[in-house]
Amino acid sequence: MTVPVFYQPDVGSPWLIPMFTDWSTWPRTQALVDIFGVHAEWANTGDGLAPVNGPWPYRGPNTLDALTAIDFFAKVSARWELALSLPGIGGQTGANECAAFNLACIQNVNSRGGVVKRIVFDEPYMAATRPPYNKSVAWAAAETLKAITIIKDAHPDMAVEEIEPINIEAGFAVSRLCDYLDACVALGIPSLLSRFYVDSDPLGGDVSAYAPIIVAKLQSLGVPWSWLLTGSQETVRTDAAYCAETKALAQSVQASVGTPSCLAFYNWKSADGVPSAPTAIPETSNNTETGAVLNICSTVFGLSIEATGEVSGDTFPVVPGLTRLSGDASATFGAGCVLAVTASGTVNGQSVTNYPVGTFRFGEADPPPVITPGNHAQFVSQSVPTHLSPGQTATVSITMLNVGTTTWTRSAQHNLGSQSPQDNLTFGIGRTVLAQSDAIASGQRGTFTFTITAPTRPGTYAFQWRMVQEAVEWFGDLTPTVAIVVA
């Protein structure tokens, strides 16, 4: 048997979009992950359900529009099962308050190329019973059942999971969680759950005093259990400290109760859009989010990955952890090369050797773009400074992909124009043009390199651009907004 790996990056991570525009910074983590988690804040506009969604400043650049612009949801669903984290019930009026919001999030993902396979209700019990709502345990259980029913009625095949915290300081002690589980049993809820995740933040890494009690309770109910593997999210930590805390928690879970039914790496460190820790990439460091996933899976849970495959007639074994390749140094793996992936180690008390768990793709290219008739553009990348002195000049570059059927040329006046606001001259230029010889056909990339001049007045200024065919239309993706500080 093997253990699935669940990975959900920080809600406000500035590395999320770069991870999905440059796959080369975390290829081994991609091979390990089976389920990719998506925060509700990424899947909705942030309107209509205060305070559950509010303005959401803490999601940073990861807005619905920005993620849609890079085909994020489609890319996630093409590689992994997509799990959407949703508020289970609202503290004031229960499941009905959240129903429209939750269904809208699912629809937003599915209509943008994604396929939601499972939803994870995020702490419905805590949301209902904490101050100022102070609802009863029975009420919380009844509303949780209603929330599950609403989702199942609309999406009968959807897997439903739940997260609940252990926070003794806030009154969410082990006994209270067990009382809630008993109330759920009376309503038949455990049979509806695919998995139950325990969140022990901010209690620290040692769970030996209470993990056996909780896990024994869940096992008696027949509910597969997992533990959210995360460092303390209540205080600011360096990358190294956060990842060390996460590993300490994983070690304590393994020593106390064994390997969970799923290795769940779920991060929530952002406050007001500023992630405090950890950096997500590259995976080559144990002190990044993706590097910690690889390190913990291998060294704590024994989920080593060994891959072998034949390229040009030679076999190349990959050492546990996928840290390096051995074999003919002159051999190369082309984009999209697929190797068989197997797991070796001890999983849930059983020894597995070379157990087939999936495939590993070296240098995997993005899926072919969807071509739409007319003028259409997809953002690819940009190189833009974030700090300038008043009046300072700088060279920037923006690359866009032509996903329409028209060819971009200077003669047809396909240009890049300033946004936020449209046609502004904040940085001394409102248009940049293609080279005279450029002809960017459908499926090709066009790079605009130009010089900007910082305003003379200190402040923070928005830098954003979009394709335009003069006198015809603006079209395609907006580039992600860069806040340039002039000081």
Protein backbone atom coordinates (compact mmCIF):
# COMPACT_ATOMS: atom_id res chain seq x y z
CA MET A 1 0.00 0.00 0.00
CA THR A 2 1.05 3.60 -0.34
CA VAL A 3 0.20 6.90 1.30
CA PRO A 4 -1.11 9.87 -0.69
CA VAL A 5 0.52 13.25 -0.20
CA PHE A 6 -1.66 16.37 0.14
CA TYR A 7 -0.01 19.75 -0.44
CA GLN A 8 -1.64 23.16 -0.03
CA PRO A 9 0.69 26.20 -0.24
CA ASP A 10 0.28 29.30 1.87
CA VAL A 11 -2.84 31.33 1.07
CA GLY A 12 -0.87 34.51 0.36
CA SER A 13 2.24 32.92 -1.08
CA PRO A 14 3.95 35.18 -3.65
CA TRP A 15 5.57 32.00 -5.01
CA LEU A 16 2.30 30.32 -6.05
CA ILE A 17 2.02 31.94 -9.48
CA PRO A 18 5.76 31.50 -10.26
CA MET A 19 5.43 27.80 -9.33
CA PHE A 20 2.82 27.40 -12.05
CA THR A 21 4.63 29.40 -14.71
CA ASP A 22 8.03 27.73 -14.16
CA TRP A 23 7.72 24.06 -13.22
CA SER A 24 11.48 23.55 -12.96
CA THR A 25 11.73 24.81 -9.36
CA TRP A 26 9.83 21.87 -7.81
CA PRO A 27 9.69 18.80 -10.13
CA ARG A 28 10.29 16.17 -7.43
CA THR A 29 7.55 17.58 -5.22
CA GLN A 30 5.19 17.41 -8.18
CA ALA A 31 5.97 13.71 -8.45
CA LEU A 32 5.27 13.09 -4.76
CA VAL A 33 2.01 15.03 -4.52
CA ASP A 34 -1.29 13.25 -5.17
CA ILE A 35 -3.73 15.90 -3.94
CA PHE A 36 -3.26 19.65 -4.41
CA GLY A 37 -5.20 21.89 -2.06
CA VAL A 38 -6.84 25.14 -3.14
CA HIS A 39 -7.90 27.78 -0.62
CA ALA A 40 -11.46 29.14 -0.92
CA GLU A 41 -9.93 32.61 -1.07
CA TRP A 42 -8.34 31.72 -4.41
CA ALA A 43 -11.65 30.53 -5.86
CA ASN A 44 -13.90 33.50 -5.16
CA THR A 45 -13.96 37.24 -5.67
CA GLY A 46 -14.16 38.06 -1.97
CA ASP A 47 -17.65 39.54 -2.03
CA GLY A 48 -20.89 38.71 -0.32
CA LEU A 49 -20.10 36.62 2.75
CA ALA A 50 -18.48 38.85 5.34
CA PRO A 51 -16.60 38.09 7.42
CA VAL A 52 -15.91 34.68 5.87
CA ASN A 53 -14.54 36.13 2.68
CA GLY A 54 -14.41 39.90 3.23
CA PRO A 55 -11.77 41.78 1.23
CA TRP A 56 -9.19 39.00 1.93
CA PRO A 57 -6.01 41.10 1.94
CA TYR A 58 -4.09 38.09 3.21
CA ARG A 59 -4.41 36.18 -0.07
CA GLY A 60 -1.92 38.62 -1.60
CA PRO A 61 -1.51 38.22 -5.37
CA ASN A 62 -3.49 34.96 -5.51
CA THR A 63 -6.81 36.35 -6.70
CA LEU A 64 -9.34 34.47 -8.79
CA ASP A 65 -8.56 36.60 -11.85
CA ALA A 66 -4.79 36.27 -11.48
CA LEU A 67 -4.94 32.49 -11.13
CA THR A 68 -7.40 32.18 -14.00
CA ALA A 69 -4.98 34.17 -16.17
CA ILE A 70 -2.30 31.46 -15.84
CA ASP A 71 -4.77 28.53 -16.17
CA PHE A 72 -3.96 27.59 -12.58
CA PHE A 73 -7.05 25.48 -11.95
CA ALA A 74 -6.67 23.58 -15.21
CA LYS A 75 -2.99 22.91 -14.52
CA VAL A 76 -3.74 21.60 -11.02
CA SER A 77 -6.47 19.27 -12.26
CA ALA A 78 -4.29 17.97 -15.10
CA ARG A 79 -1.69 16.70 -12.63
CA TRP A 80 -3.39 15.95 -9.31
CA GLU A 81 -6.72 15.62 -7.55
CA LEU A 82 -7.94 19.11 -6.74
CA ALA A 83 -9.16 19.56 -3.15
CA LEU A 84 -11.00 22.79 -2.35
CA SER A 85 -10.92 24.03 1.26
CA LEU A 86 -14.23 25.65 2.19
CA PRO A 87 -15.86 27.09 5.31
CA GLY A 88 -18.17 24.30 6.54
CA ILE A 89 -20.60 26.44 8.51
CA GLY A 90 -20.83 30.07 9.55
CA GLY A 91 -20.79 30.87 13.23
CA GLN A 92 -23.98 32.90 13.12
CA THR A 93 -26.55 31.08 10.98
CA GLY A 94 -24.88 27.80 10.13
CA ALA A 95 -24.54 25.91 6.88
CA ASN A 96 -27.07 27.96 4.93
CA GLU A 97 -24.92 31.05 5.32
CA CYS A 98 -22.05 29.36 3.53
CA ALA A 99 -23.96 27.25 1.00
CA ALA A 100 -24.14 29.77 -1.84
CA PHE A 101 -20.54 30.79 -1.27
CA ASN A 102 -19.25 27.21 -1.26
CA LEU A 103 -21.15 26.24 -4.39
CA ALA A 104 -19.96 29.41 -6.12
CA CYS A 105 -16.33 28.51 -5.32
CA ILE A 106 -16.78 25.05 -6.82
CA GLN A 107 -18.44 26.52 -9.90
CA ASN A 108 -15.69 29.12 -10.29
CA VAL A 109 -13.01 26.43 -10.29
CA ASN A 110 -14.89 24.05 -12.58
CA SER A 111 -15.75 26.79 -15.06
CA ARG A 112 -12.10 27.82 -15.30
CA GLY A 113 -10.71 24.49 -16.38
CA GLY A 114 -10.47 22.84 -12.97
CA VAL A 115 -12.23 19.75 -11.68
CA VAL A 116 -12.94 19.76 -7.95
CA LYS A 117 -12.63 16.15 -6.77
CA ARG A 118 -12.92 16.69 -3.04
CA ILE A 119 -13.82 19.45 -0.63
CA VAL A 120 -12.32 19.96 2.81
CA PHE A 121 -14.60 21.67 5.35
CA ASP A 122 -12.27 23.90 7.35
CA GLU A 123 -13.12 23.81 11.07
CA PRO A 124 -16.93 23.98 11.11
CA TYR A 125 -17.02 22.89 14.76
CA MET A 126 -14.59 25.60 15.86
CA ALA A 127 -16.35 28.27 13.80
CA ALA A 128 -19.64 27.58 15.54
CA THR A 129 -18.59 27.06 19.16
CA ARG A 130 -15.99 29.78 19.65
CA PRO A 131 -16.88 33.28 20.92
CA PRO A 132 -18.90 35.31 20.15
CA TYR A 133 -21.23 32.59 18.75
CA ASN A 134 -20.83 29.95 21.48
CA LYS A 135 -23.11 27.45 19.78
CA SER A 136 -23.55 24.00 21.28
CA VAL A 137 -21.71 20.90 20.16
CA ALA A 138 -24.98 19.36 19.01
CA TRP A 139 -25.81 22.44 16.93
CA ALA A 140 -22.37 22.35 15.30
CA ALA A 141 -22.76 18.68 14.39
CA ALA A 142 -26.25 19.21 12.95
CA GLU A 143 -25.08 22.13 10.83
CA THR A 144 -22.06 20.15 9.65
CA LEU A 145 -24.41 17.44 8.41
CA LYS A 146 -26.47 20.09 6.64
CA ALA A 147 -23.34 21.51 4.99
CA ILE A 148 -22.31 18.06 3.76
CA THR A 149 -25.82 17.41 2.47
CA ILE A 150 -25.87 20.67 0.49
CA ILE A 151 -22.61 19.75 -1.26
CA LYS A 152 -23.63 16.14 -1.86
CA ASP A 153 -27.00 17.15 -3.30
CA ALA A 154 -25.28 19.37 -5.86
CA HIS A 155 -22.25 17.11 -6.42
CA PRO A 156 -23.09 13.49 -5.52
CA ASP A 157 -19.64 12.14 -6.40
CA MET A 158 -17.72 14.74 -4.38
CA ALA A 159 -15.46 13.39 -1.62
CA VAL A 160 -16.00 15.34 1.62
CA GLU A 161 -13.35 15.77 4.31
CA GLU A 162 -13.08 17.85 7.49
CA ILE A 163 -10.40 19.70 9.45
CA GLU A 164 -10.78 20.42 13.18
CA PRO A 165 -8.26 21.98 15.57
CA ILE A 166 -6.83 21.09 18.92
CA ASN A 167 -6.08 24.36 20.71
CA ILE A 168 -6.14 23.91 24.47
CA GLU A 169 -5.47 27.60 25.14
CA ALA A 170 -8.58 28.57 23.16
CA GLY A 171 -10.70 25.94 24.89
CA PHE A 172 -10.66 23.36 22.10
CA ALA A 173 -9.36 20.54 24.24
CA VAL A 174 -9.24 16.88 23.32
CA SER A 175 -12.38 16.12 25.33
CA ARG A 176 -14.38 18.74 23.43
CA LEU A 177 -13.29 17.36 20.07
CA CYS A 178 -14.28 13.86 21.21
CA ASP A 179 -17.67 15.21 22.33
CA TYR A 180 -18.15 16.71 18.86
CA LEU A 181 -17.21 13.42 17.21
CA ASP A 182 -19.76 11.61 19.39
CA ALA A 183 -22.41 14.10 18.26
CA CYS A 184 -21.40 13.46 14.66
CA VAL A 185 -21.75 9.70 15.18
CA ALA A 186 -25.33 10.14 16.33
CA LEU A 187 -26.10 11.81 12.99
CA GLY A 188 -24.20 9.31 10.84
CA ILE A 189 -21.61 11.87 9.72
CA PRO A 190 -18.49 9.64 9.92
CA SER A 191 -19.81 7.42 7.12
CA LEU A 192 -19.97 10.50 4.87
CA LEU A 193 -16.37 11.61 5.46
CA SER A 194 -13.49 10.41 3.31
CA ARG A 195 -10.93 11.70 5.81
CA PHE A 196 -10.61 13.72 9.03
CA TYR A 197 -7.62 16.03 9.53
CA VAL A 198 -6.43 17.11 12.98
CA ASP A 199 -4.85 20.56 13.25
CA SER A 200 -2.69 20.92 16.37
CA ASP A 201 -1.38 24.43 15.65
CA PRO A 202 -0.33 26.35 17.77
CA LEU A 203 0.42 23.69 20.39
CA GLY A 204 3.86 22.90 19.03
CA GLY A 205 5.55 19.77 17.78
CA ASP A 206 5.00 17.32 20.66
CA VAL A 207 1.62 15.61 20.24
CA SER A 208 2.40 12.49 22.26
CA ALA A 209 0.08 13.46 25.14
CA TYR A 210 -3.11 13.64 23.11
CA ALA A 211 -2.58 12.24 19.60
CA PRO A 212 -3.19 8.60 20.71
CA ILE A 213 -6.53 9.61 22.28
CA ILE A 214 -7.77 11.42 19.17
CA VAL A 215 -6.55 8.81 16.69
CA ALA A 216 -8.03 5.96 18.74
CA LYS A 217 -11.35 7.80 18.71
CA LEU A 218 -11.28 8.31 14.94
CA GLN A 219 -10.25 4.71 14.34
CA SER A 220 -13.14 3.49 16.48
CA LEU A 221 -15.46 5.46 14.19
CA GLY A 222 -13.91 3.99 11.06
CA VAL A 223 -12.78 7.41 9.78
CA PRO A 224 -9.40 7.60 7.99
CA TRP A 225 -7.32 10.18 9.84
CA SER A 226 -4.56 12.59 8.99
CA TRP A 227 -2.64 15.32 10.78
CA LEU A 228 -1.89 18.72 9.30
CA LEU A 229 1.89 18.91 9.14
CA THR A 230 2.72 22.56 9.64
CA GLY A 231 4.95 24.72 11.80
CA SER A 232 3.51 27.19 14.25
CA GLN A 233 1.34 29.68 12.41
CA GLU A 234 0.83 32.03 15.34
CA THR A 235 4.25 33.68 15.39
CA VAL A 236 6.71 34.85 12.77
CA ARG A 237 9.41 32.29 12.01
CA THR A 238 12.43 32.12 9.76
CA ASP A 239 12.21 29.60 6.93
CA ALA A 240 14.59 27.26 8.75
CA ALA A 241 12.69 27.46 12.05
CA TYR A 242 9.32 26.92 10.41
CA CYS A 243 10.47 23.88 8.46
CA ALA A 244 12.22 22.48 11.55
CA GLU A 245 8.97 22.84 13.53
CA THR A 246 7.06 21.07 10.77
CA LYS A 247 9.54 18.19 10.80
CA ALA A 248 9.41 17.97 14.62
CA LEU A 249 5.63 17.69 14.46
CA ALA A 250 5.85 14.99 11.79
CA GLN A 251 8.35 13.05 13.91
CA SER A 252 6.07 13.29 16.96
CA VAL A 253 3.03 12.12 14.98
CA GLN A 254 4.97 9.18 13.56
CA ALA A 255 6.35 8.18 16.96
CA SER A 256 3.00 8.55 18.76
CA VAL A 257 0.45 7.14 16.33
CA GLY A 258 2.27 5.97 13.21
CA THR A 259 1.81 7.06 9.62
CA PRO A 260 -1.45 8.90 8.82
CA SER A 261 -3.72 7.81 5.97
CA CYS A 262 -2.47 10.88 4.11
CA LEU A 263 0.59 13.08 4.57
CA ALA A 264 -1.00 16.53 4.64
CA PHE A 265 1.16 19.64 4.25
CA TYR A 266 -1.20 22.58 4.71
CA ASN A 267 0.13 26.08 5.24
CA TRP A 268 -1.51 29.28 6.43
CA LYS A 269 1.12 31.82 7.38
CA SER A 270 0.06 35.02 5.65
CA ALA A 271 -1.26 38.03 7.49
CA ASP A 272 -2.53 41.03 5.51
CA GLY A 273 -1.02 39.61 2.36
CA VAL A 274 2.52 39.34 3.73
CA PRO A 275 3.69 35.73 4.09
CA SER A 276 6.06 35.46 7.05
CA ALA A 277 7.41 31.96 6.34
CA PRO A 278 8.29 29.78 4.64
CA THR A 279 9.57 30.43 1.15
CA ALA A 280 7.98 27.86 -1.16
CA ILE A 281 10.69 27.21 -3.74
CA PRO A 282 13.14 25.91 -4.82
CA GLU A 283 12.75 22.37 -3.52
CA THR A 284 16.52 21.86 -3.44
CA SER A 285 16.61 23.41 0.04
CA ASN A 286 15.14 21.67 3.10
CA ASN A 287 14.20 25.15 4.35
CA THR A 288 11.57 25.82 1.72
CA GLU A 289 7.99 24.61 1.75
CA THR A 290 8.48 22.16 -1.13
CA GLY A 291 11.91 21.08 0.12
CA ALA A 292 10.44 20.29 3.54
CA VAL A 293 7.73 18.15 1.92
CA LEU A 294 10.39 16.04 0.19
CA ASN A 295 12.60 15.84 3.26
CA ILE A 296 9.81 14.87 5.69
CA CYS A 297 8.20 12.31 3.40
CA SER A 298 11.53 10.57 2.94
CA THR A 299 13.27 10.86 6.32
CA VAL A 300 10.29 10.70 8.70
CA PHE A 301 7.75 8.46 6.99
CA GLY A 302 10.06 6.39 4.82
CA LEU A 303 8.18 7.32 1.68
CA SER A 304 11.24 7.22 -0.54
CA ILE A 305 10.63 7.44 -4.23
CA GLU A 306 12.65 5.46 -6.68
CA ALA A 307 12.09 5.92 -10.37
CA THR A 308 13.53 4.00 -13.27
CA GLY A 309 12.94 4.50 -16.91
CA GLU A 310 14.53 3.87 -20.25
CA VAL A 311 15.75 6.67 -22.42
CA SER A 312 17.87 5.94 -25.49
CA GLY A 313 18.16 2.34 -24.37
CA ASP A 314 19.69 3.04 -20.94
CA THR A 315 18.14 2.61 -17.48
CA PHE A 316 18.56 5.40 -14.95
CA PRO A 317 17.81 4.68 -11.27
CA VAL A 318 16.90 7.61 -9.04
CA VAL A 319 18.07 7.47 -5.43
CA PRO A 320 15.49 7.69 -2.58
CA GLY A 321 14.16 11.19 -2.34
CA LEU A 322 14.84 11.81 -6.02
CA THR A 323 17.92 13.83 -5.14
CA ARG A 324 20.07 12.95 -8.13
CA LEU A 325 20.35 10.75 -11.18
CA SER A 326 23.00 8.09 -11.72
CA GLY A 327 23.94 6.72 -15.07
CA ASP A 328 25.36 8.07 -18.31
CA ALA A 329 26.12 11.72 -17.61
CA SER A 330 25.68 12.56 -21.28
CA ALA A 331 22.10 11.32 -21.38
CA THR A 332 19.29 13.84 -21.17
CA PHE A 333 15.61 13.60 -20.40
CA GLY A 334 13.48 15.43 -22.92
CA ALA A 335 10.42 17.46 -22.07
CA GLY A 336 7.55 15.20 -21.18
CA CYS A 337 9.68 12.07 -20.64
CA VAL A 338 7.64 9.78 -18.37
CA LEU A 339 9.27 7.39 -15.89
CA ALA A 340 7.58 4.83 -13.64
CA VAL A 341 7.51 5.85 -9.96
CA THR A 342 7.61 3.35 -7.09
CA ALA A 343 7.66 3.74 -3.31
CA SER A 344 9.83 1.88 -0.82
CA GLY A 345 9.66 2.00 2.97
CA THR A 346 7.32 1.30 5.86
CA VAL A 347 3.80 2.61 5.45
CA ASN A 348 1.10 2.07 8.06
CA GLY A 349 3.21 -0.71 9.53
CA GLN A 350 3.60 -2.55 6.24
CA SER A 351 6.81 -2.85 4.29
CA VAL A 352 6.59 -1.86 0.65
CA THR A 353 9.29 -2.19 -1.98
CA ASN A 354 9.08 -0.71 -5.45
CA TYR A 355 5.32 -0.32 -5.12
CA PRO A 356 3.97 1.44 -8.23
CA VAL A 357 2.47 4.76 -7.22
CA GLY A 358 2.38 6.76 -10.44
CA THR A 359 4.66 8.45 -12.92
CA PHE A 360 7.39 11.04 -12.81
CA ARG A 361 7.81 13.51 -15.63
CA PHE A 362 11.17 15.11 -16.26
CA GLY A 363 11.16 18.57 -17.75
CA GLU A 364 7.43 18.37 -18.32
CA ALA A 365 6.20 21.06 -20.65
CA ASP A 366 3.02 22.99 -20.03
CA PRO A 367 -0.02 21.55 -21.79
CA PRO A 368 -0.63 23.07 -25.24
CA PRO A 369 -2.46 26.38 -24.98
CA VAL A 370 -6.11 26.61 -25.91
CA ILE A 371 -6.37 28.71 -29.07
CA THR A 372 -9.38 31.03 -29.37
CA PRO A 373 -10.43 32.82 -32.56
CA GLY A 374 -9.43 36.47 -32.74
CA ASN A 375 -7.07 38.46 -30.54
CA HIS A 376 -6.14 36.66 -27.33
CA ALA A 377 -3.06 36.72 -25.09
CA GLN A 378 -1.81 34.79 -22.09
CA PHE A 379 0.68 36.18 -19.59
CA VAL A 380 3.94 34.17 -19.39
CA SER A 381 6.50 36.10 -17.34
CA GLN A 382 7.90 39.49 -16.50
CA SER A 383 11.08 41.00 -15.09
CA VAL A 384 10.23 44.17 -13.18
CA PRO A 385 12.07 45.91 -10.30
CA THR A 386 10.19 46.46 -7.05
CA HIS A 387 12.27 49.41 -5.79
CA LEU A 388 13.49 52.49 -7.68
CA SER A 389 14.84 55.89 -6.74
CA PRO A 390 12.87 58.97 -7.85
CA GLY A 391 13.56 59.58 -11.54
CA GLN A 392 15.61 56.39 -11.92
CA THR A 393 15.41 54.48 -15.20
CA ALA A 394 15.23 50.71 -15.47
CA THR A 395 14.84 48.09 -18.19
CA VAL A 396 11.86 45.76 -17.90
CA SER A 397 10.63 42.87 -20.00
CA ILE A 398 7.23 41.24 -20.34
CA THR A 399 6.53 38.02 -22.26
CA MET A 400 3.06 37.21 -23.59
CA LEU A 401 1.83 34.09 -25.40
CA ASN A 402 -0.36 34.47 -28.47
CA VAL A 403 -3.35 32.19 -27.84
CA GLY A 404 -5.49 33.75 -30.56
CA THR A 405 -5.60 33.19 -34.30
CA THR A 406 -4.30 36.58 -35.43
CA THR A 407 -0.58 37.21 -35.92
CA TRP A 408 0.83 40.09 -33.86
CA THR A 409 2.78 42.63 -35.92
CA ARG A 410 3.82 46.24 -35.59
CA SER A 411 2.04 47.12 -38.82
CA ALA A 412 -1.25 45.80 -37.42
CA GLN A 413 -0.56 47.84 -34.27
CA HIS A 414 -0.45 44.98 -31.78
CA ASN A 415 1.15 46.73 -28.83
CA LEU A 416 1.49 46.42 -25.08
CA GLY A 417 -0.33 49.15 -23.19
CA SER A 418 -0.25 50.42 -19.61
CA GLN A 419 -2.99 49.63 -17.09
CA SER A 420 -4.00 50.60 -13.53
CA PRO A 421 -5.22 53.01 -14.75
CA GLN A 422 -5.48 52.35 -18.49
CA ASP A 423 -3.16 54.44 -20.68
CA ASN A 424 -1.32 55.90 -17.68
CA LEU A 425 2.11 57.49 -18.07
CA THR A 426 3.19 56.87 -14.48
CA PHE A 427 6.51 55.42 -15.58
CA GLY A 428 6.98 57.72 -18.55
CA ILE A 429 5.56 55.37 -21.18
CA GLY A 430 2.10 54.16 -22.05
CA ARG A 431 2.86 51.91 -25.02
CA THR A 432 5.63 49.61 -26.14
CA VAL A 433 5.74 48.10 -29.62
CA LEU A 434 7.04 45.01 -31.35
CA ALA A 435 10.19 45.09 -33.45
CA GLN A 436 9.53 45.91 -37.09
CA SER A 437 10.47 42.38 -38.13
CA ASP A 438 8.44 40.58 -35.45
CA ALA A 439 5.49 38.42 -36.45
CA ILE A 440 4.18 36.56 -33.37
CA ALA A 441 2.02 33.77 -34.73
CA SER A 442 -0.58 31.76 -32.86
CA GLY A 443 1.11 29.66 -30.16
CA GLN A 444 4.28 31.78 -30.14
CA ARG A 445 5.63 34.10 -27.48
CA GLY A 446 6.39 37.78 -27.84
CA THR A 447 8.75 39.58 -25.46
CA PHE A 448 8.54 43.33 -24.97
CA THR A 449 11.68 44.91 -23.52
CA PHE A 450 11.55 48.61 -22.74
CA THR A 451 12.79 51.35 -20.42
CA ILE A 452 10.73 52.93 -17.67
CA THR A 453 11.39 56.05 -15.62
CA ALA A 454 10.31 56.23 -12.00
CA PRO A 455 8.11 59.11 -10.84
CA THR A 456 9.91 61.94 -9.07
CA ARG A 457 7.56 61.85 -6.10
CA PRO A 458 8.20 59.06 -3.55
CA GLY A 459 5.42 56.54 -3.10
CA THR A 460 4.18 53.11 -4.15
CA TYR A 461 2.97 52.82 -7.73
CA ALA A 462 1.14 50.04 -9.59
CA PHE A 463 2.85 48.61 -12.67
CA GLN A 464 0.57 46.59 -14.95
CA TRP A 465 0.19 46.05 -18.72
CA ARG A 466 -2.08 44.41 -21.29
CA MET A 467 -2.11 43.70 -25.02
CA VAL A 468 -3.99 46.07 -27.31
CA GLN A 469 -4.67 46.34 -31.02
CA GLU A 470 -4.96 50.06 -31.52
CA ALA A 471 -8.39 51.31 -32.58
CA VAL A 472 -9.70 47.73 -32.29
CA GLU A 473 -9.63 46.31 -28.75
CA TRP A 474 -7.77 45.55 -25.56
CA PHE A 475 -7.40 41.79 -25.17
CA GLY A 476 -6.02 38.93 -23.13
CA ASP A 477 -4.48 38.68 -19.68
CA LEU A 478 -3.52 41.60 -17.54
CA THR A 479 0.02 41.17 -16.29
CA PRO A 480 0.19 40.59 -12.51
CA THR A 481 0.38 43.93 -10.77
CA VAL A 482 3.82 44.83 -9.39
CA ALA A 483 3.89 47.40 -6.59
CA ILE A 484 7.01 49.49 -7.29
CA VAL A 485 8.25 51.47 -4.29
CA VAL A 486 9.86 54.79 -5.25
CA ALA A 487 12.01 56.12 -2.41
